[in-house]
C-alpha atoms as a PDB file:
ATOM      1  CA  UNK A   1       0.000   0.000   0.000  1.00  0.00           C
ATOM      2  CA  UNK A   2       1.327   3.454  -0.889  1.00  0.00           C
ATOM      3  CA  UNK A   3       1.842   6.420   1.369  1.00  0.00           C
ATOM      4  CA  UNK A   4      -1.123   8.773   1.934  1.00  0.00           C
ATOM      5  CA  UNK A   5       0.106  11.052  -0.862  1.00  0.00           C
ATOM      6  CA  UNK A   6       0.757   8.294  -3.396  1.00  0.00           C
ATOM      7  CA  UNK A   7      -1.422   8.334  -6.490  1.00  0.00           C
ATOM      8  CA  UNK A   8      -0.803   4.556  -6.622  1.00  0.00           C
ATOM      9  CA  UNK A   9      -2.940   4.241  -3.489  1.00  0.00           C
ATOM     10  CA  UNK A  10      -6.405   3.660  -4.944  1.00  0.00           C
ATOM     11  CA  UNK A  11      -8.056   4.828  -1.708  1.00  0.00           C
ATOM     12  CA  UNK A  12      -6.582   8.297  -2.054  1.00  0.00           C
ATOM     13  CA  UNK A  13      -8.447  10.301  -4.703  1.00  0.00           C
ATOM     14  CA  UNK A  14      -6.134  13.298  -4.774  1.00  0.00           C
ATOM     15  CA  UNK A  15      -6.439  16.817  -3.393  1.00  0.00           C
ATOM     16  CA  UNK A  16      -6.603  19.782  -5.756  1.00  0.00           C
ATOM     17  CA  UNK A  17      -6.378  23.499  -4.980  1.00  0.00           C
ATOM     18  CA  UNK A  18      -8.153  25.857  -7.405  1.00  0.00           C
ATOM     19  CA  UNK A  19      -6.860  29.435  -7.114  1.00  0.00           C
ATOM     20  CA  UNK A  20      -9.151  31.722  -9.109  1.00  0.00           C
ATOM     21  CA  UNK A  21     -11.029  34.916  -8.314  1.00  0.00           C
ATOM     22  CA  UNK A  22     -13.885  33.966 -10.676  1.00  0.00           C
ATOM     23  CA  UNK A  23     -16.531  32.188  -8.571  1.00  0.00           C
ATOM     24  CA  UNK A  24     -18.131  30.623 -11.669  1.00  0.00           C
ATOM     25  CA  UNK A  25     -14.812  29.022 -12.664  1.00  0.00           C
ATOM     26  CA  UNK A  26     -14.291  27.790  -9.106  1.00  0.00           C
ATOM     27  CA  UNK A  27     -17.790  26.303  -9.029  1.00  0.00           C
ATOM     28  CA  UNK A  28     -17.378  24.554 -12.405  1.00  0.00           C
ATOM     29  CA  UNK A  29     -13.998  23.036 -11.525  1.00  0.00           C
ATOM     30  CA  UNK A  30     -15.108  22.104  -7.999  1.00  0.00           C
ATOM     31  CA  UNK A  31     -18.198  20.345  -9.349  1.00  0.00           C
ATOM     32  CA  UNK A  32     -16.572  18.188 -12.020  1.00  0.00           C
ATOM     33  CA  UNK A  33     -13.454  17.425  -9.965  1.00  0.00           C
ATOM     34  CA  UNK A  34     -15.545  16.427  -6.930  1.00  0.00           C
ATOM     35  CA  UNK A  35     -17.727  14.208  -9.132  1.00  0.00           C
ATOM     36  CA  UNK A  36     -14.510  12.557 -10.383  1.00  0.00           C
ATOM     37  CA  UNK A  37     -13.544  11.746  -6.779  1.00  0.00           C
ATOM     38  CA  UNK A  38     -11.032  14.491  -6.026  1.00  0.00           C
ATOM     39  CA  UNK A  39     -10.996  16.594  -2.883  1.00  0.00           C
ATOM     40  CA  UNK A  40     -11.156  20.249  -3.930  1.00  0.00           C
ATOM     41  CA  UNK A  41     -10.138  23.331  -2.015  1.00  0.00           C
ATOM     42  CA  UNK A  42     -10.506  26.899  -3.327  1.00  0.00           C
ATOM     43  CA  UNK A  43      -8.669  30.177  -2.883  1.00  0.00           C
ATOM     44  CA  UNK A  44     -10.271  33.420  -4.086  1.00  0.00           C
ATOM     45  CA  UNK A  45      -7.096  35.427  -4.742  1.00  0.00           C
ATOM     46  CA  UNK A  46      -3.353  34.995  -4.950  1.00  0.00           C
ATOM     47  CA  UNK A  47      -2.701  35.874  -1.309  1.00  0.00           C
ATOM     48  CA  UNK A  48      -5.152  33.245  -0.031  1.00  0.00           C
ATOM     49  CA  UNK A  49      -3.699  30.761  -2.542  1.00  0.00           C
ATOM     50  CA  UNK A  50      -0.150  31.414  -1.344  1.00  0.00           C
ATOM     51  CA  UNK A  51      -1.206  30.844   2.273  1.00  0.00           C
ATOM     52  CA  UNK A  52      -2.773  27.483   1.371  1.00  0.00           C
ATOM     53  CA  UNK A  53       0.218  26.407  -0.752  1.00  0.00           C
ATOM     54  CA  UNK A  54       2.561  27.160   2.151  1.00  0.00           C
ATOM     55  CA  UNK A  55       0.412  24.892   4.364  1.00  0.00           C
ATOM     56  CA  UNK A  56       0.800  22.153   1.717  1.00  0.00           C
ATOM     57  CA  UNK A  57      -0.973  18.902   1.049  1.00  0.00           C
ATOM     58  CA  UNK A  58      -2.099  19.390  -2.571  1.00  0.00           C
ATOM     59  CA  UNK A  59      -1.518  16.853  -5.322  1.00  0.00           C
ATOM     60  CA  UNK A  60      -2.205  19.495  -7.972  1.00  0.00           C
ATOM     61  CA  UNK A  61      -2.677  23.264  -7.940  1.00  0.00           C
ATOM     62  CA  UNK A  62      -4.680  25.067 -10.631  1.00  0.00           C
ATOM     63  CA  UNK A  63      -3.565  28.697 -10.707  1.00  0.00           C
ATOM     64  CA  UNK A  64      -5.276  31.586 -12.492  1.00  0.00           C
ATOM     65  CA  UNK A  65      -3.065  34.361 -13.880  1.00  0.00           C
ATOM     66  CA  UNK A  66      -5.287  37.450 -13.579  1.00  0.00           C
ATOM     67  CA  UNK A  67      -6.255  37.902  -9.888  1.00  0.00           C
ATOM     68  CA  UNK A  68      -6.357  40.568  -7.197  1.00  0.00           C
ATOM     69  CA  UNK A  69      -3.789  40.977  -4.400  1.00  0.00           C
ATOM     70  CA  UNK A  70      -1.161  38.689  -6.005  1.00  0.00           C
ATOM     71  CA  UNK A  71      -1.555  37.591  -9.625  1.00  0.00           C
ATOM     72  CA  UNK A  72      -0.560  34.103 -10.769  1.00  0.00           C
ATOM     73  CA  UNK A  73       2.882  35.127 -12.036  1.00  0.00           C
ATOM     74  CA  UNK A  74       3.545  37.030  -8.800  1.00  0.00           C
ATOM     75  CA  UNK A  75       2.581  33.975  -6.774  1.00  0.00           C
ATOM     76  CA  UNK A  76       4.909  31.756  -8.855  1.00  0.00           C
ATOM     77  CA  UNK A  77       7.752  34.277  -8.337  1.00  0.00           C
ATOM     78  CA  UNK A  78       7.204  34.242  -4.559  1.00  0.00           C
ATOM     79  CA  UNK A  79       7.284  30.429  -4.514  1.00  0.00           C
ATOM     80  CA  UNK A  80      10.432  30.302  -6.651  1.00  0.00           C
ATOM     81  CA  UNK A  81      12.205  32.836  -4.427  1.00  0.00           C
ATOM     82  CA  UNK A  82      11.067  31.198  -1.188  1.00  0.00           C
ATOM     83  CA  UNK A  83       9.870  27.601  -1.741  1.00  0.00           C
ATOM     84  CA  UNK A  84       7.774  26.041   1.016  1.00  0.00           C
ATOM     85  CA  UNK A  85       9.830  23.915   3.392  1.00  0.00           C
ATOM     86  CA  UNK A  86       8.768  20.527   4.728  1.00  0.00           C
ATOM     87  CA  UNK A  87       5.376  20.488   2.988  1.00  0.00           C
ATOM     88  CA  UNK A  88       4.154  18.387   0.098  1.00  0.00           C
ATOM     89  CA  UNK A  89       2.609  19.959  -3.012  1.00  0.00           C
ATOM     90  CA  UNK A  90       2.237  18.523  -6.485  1.00  0.00           C
ATOM     91  CA  UNK A  91       2.652  20.470  -9.719  1.00  0.00           C
ATOM     92  CA  UNK A  92       1.200  23.915 -10.361  1.00  0.00           C
ATOM     93  CA  UNK A  93      -0.816  24.170 -13.565  1.00  0.00           C
ATOM     94  CA  UNK A  94      -1.697  27.600 -14.907  1.00  0.00           C
ATOM     95  CA  UNK A  95      -5.416  28.055 -15.533  1.00  0.00           C
ATOM     96  CA  UNK A  96      -5.787  30.987 -17.868  1.00  0.00           C
ATOM     97  CA  UNK A  97      -8.182  32.659 -20.238  1.00  0.00           C
ATOM     98  CA  UNK A  98      -5.182  34.365 -21.798  1.00  0.00           C
ATOM     99  CA  UNK A  99      -3.872  32.887 -25.012  1.00  0.00           C
ATOM    100  CA  UNK A 100      -0.581  34.717 -24.917  1.00  0.00           C
ATOM    101  CA  UNK A 101       2.482  32.512 -25.326  1.00  0.00           C
ATOM    102  CA  UNK A 102       4.834  34.890 -23.516  1.00  0.00           C
ATOM    103  CA  UNK A 103       2.729  34.726 -20.315  1.00  0.00           C
ATOM    104  CA  UNK A 104       2.569  30.933 -20.477  1.00  0.00           C
ATOM    105  CA  UNK A 105       6.332  30.776 -21.127  1.00  0.00           C
ATOM    106  CA  UNK A 106       6.932  33.096 -18.160  1.00  0.00           C
ATOM    107  CA  UNK A 107       4.764  30.866 -15.929  1.00  0.00           C
ATOM    108  CA  UNK A 108       6.621  27.731 -17.053  1.00  0.00           C
ATOM    109  CA  UNK A 109       9.975  29.433 -16.413  1.00  0.00           C
ATOM    110  CA  UNK A 110       8.767  30.285 -12.893  1.00  0.00           C
ATOM    111  CA  UNK A 111       7.962  26.655 -12.098  1.00  0.00           C
ATOM    112  CA  UNK A 112       4.497  25.897 -13.504  1.00  0.00           C
ATOM    113  CA  UNK A 113       4.383  22.414 -15.040  1.00  0.00           C
ATOM    114  CA  UNK A 114       1.738  23.117 -17.676  1.00  0.00           C
ATOM    115  CA  UNK A 115      -1.352  25.109 -18.496  1.00  0.00           C
ATOM    116  CA  UNK A 116      -5.048  24.749 -19.221  1.00  0.00           C
ATOM    117  CA  UNK A 117      -7.080  27.259 -21.190  1.00  0.00           C
ATOM    118  CA  UNK A 118     -10.328  28.206 -19.447  1.00  0.00           C
ATOM    119  CA  UNK A 119     -12.273  28.555 -22.659  1.00  0.00           C
ATOM    120  CA  UNK A 120     -12.659  26.040 -25.429  1.00  0.00           C
ATOM    121  CA  UNK A 121     -12.276  23.046 -23.139  1.00  0.00           C
ATOM    122  CA  UNK A 122     -15.111  20.841 -21.891  1.00  0.00           C
ATOM    123  CA  UNK A 123     -15.035  19.558 -18.295  1.00  0.00           C
ATOM    124  CA  UNK A 124     -14.195  16.068 -19.645  1.00  0.00           C
ATOM    125  CA  UNK A 125     -11.250  17.446 -21.627  1.00  0.00           C
ATOM    126  CA  UNK A 126     -10.026  19.420 -18.597  1.00  0.00           C
ATOM    127  CA  UNK A 127     -10.397  16.329 -16.397  1.00  0.00           C
ATOM    128  CA  UNK A 128      -8.349  14.263 -18.858  1.00  0.00           C
ATOM    129  CA  UNK A 129      -5.562  16.883 -18.866  1.00  0.00           C
ATOM    130  CA  UNK A 130      -5.640  17.117 -15.056  1.00  0.00           C
ATOM    131  CA  UNK A 131      -5.370  13.302 -14.827  1.00  0.00           C
ATOM    132  CA  UNK A 132      -2.351  13.422 -17.161  1.00  0.00           C
ATOM    133  CA  UNK A 133      -0.641  16.067 -15.007  1.00  0.00           C
ATOM    134  CA  UNK A 134      -1.307  13.990 -11.868  1.00  0.00           C
ATOM    135  CA  UNK A 135       0.074  10.812 -13.489  1.00  0.00           C
ATOM    136  CA  UNK A 136       3.240  12.631 -14.608  1.00  0.00           C
ATOM    137  CA  UNK A 137       3.868  13.822 -11.048  1.00  0.00           C
ATOM    138  CA  UNK A 138       3.175  10.452  -9.384  1.00  0.00           C
END
């Protein structure tokens, strides 16, 4: 049997943090991820997201770029400069409505492991991509 954080442990569905100031986006992702068996936690801005990341325990973090207090790139910079110590977190995936390569490249250079576009993706497609990201990190 795997450790509590092991994706190989079939009894552990995975814990995902959605950091987005758009309540509709949070609700959509929370609904389909919960239905798929994941535990979902939300943060409504970058500052709240940073606090939760520093507490740790997430198998995957979905991070919006455009947010109040600290935007997604600012949050990634803070984590790169001062990574959390002695806490477990899986990969950070940028969740963005922006289709601008330079922002995505910047996010990847700051430590994000991939990105999902908010628009043009069905919940099933997003779930498949999220599953891929989780499998890569396992």
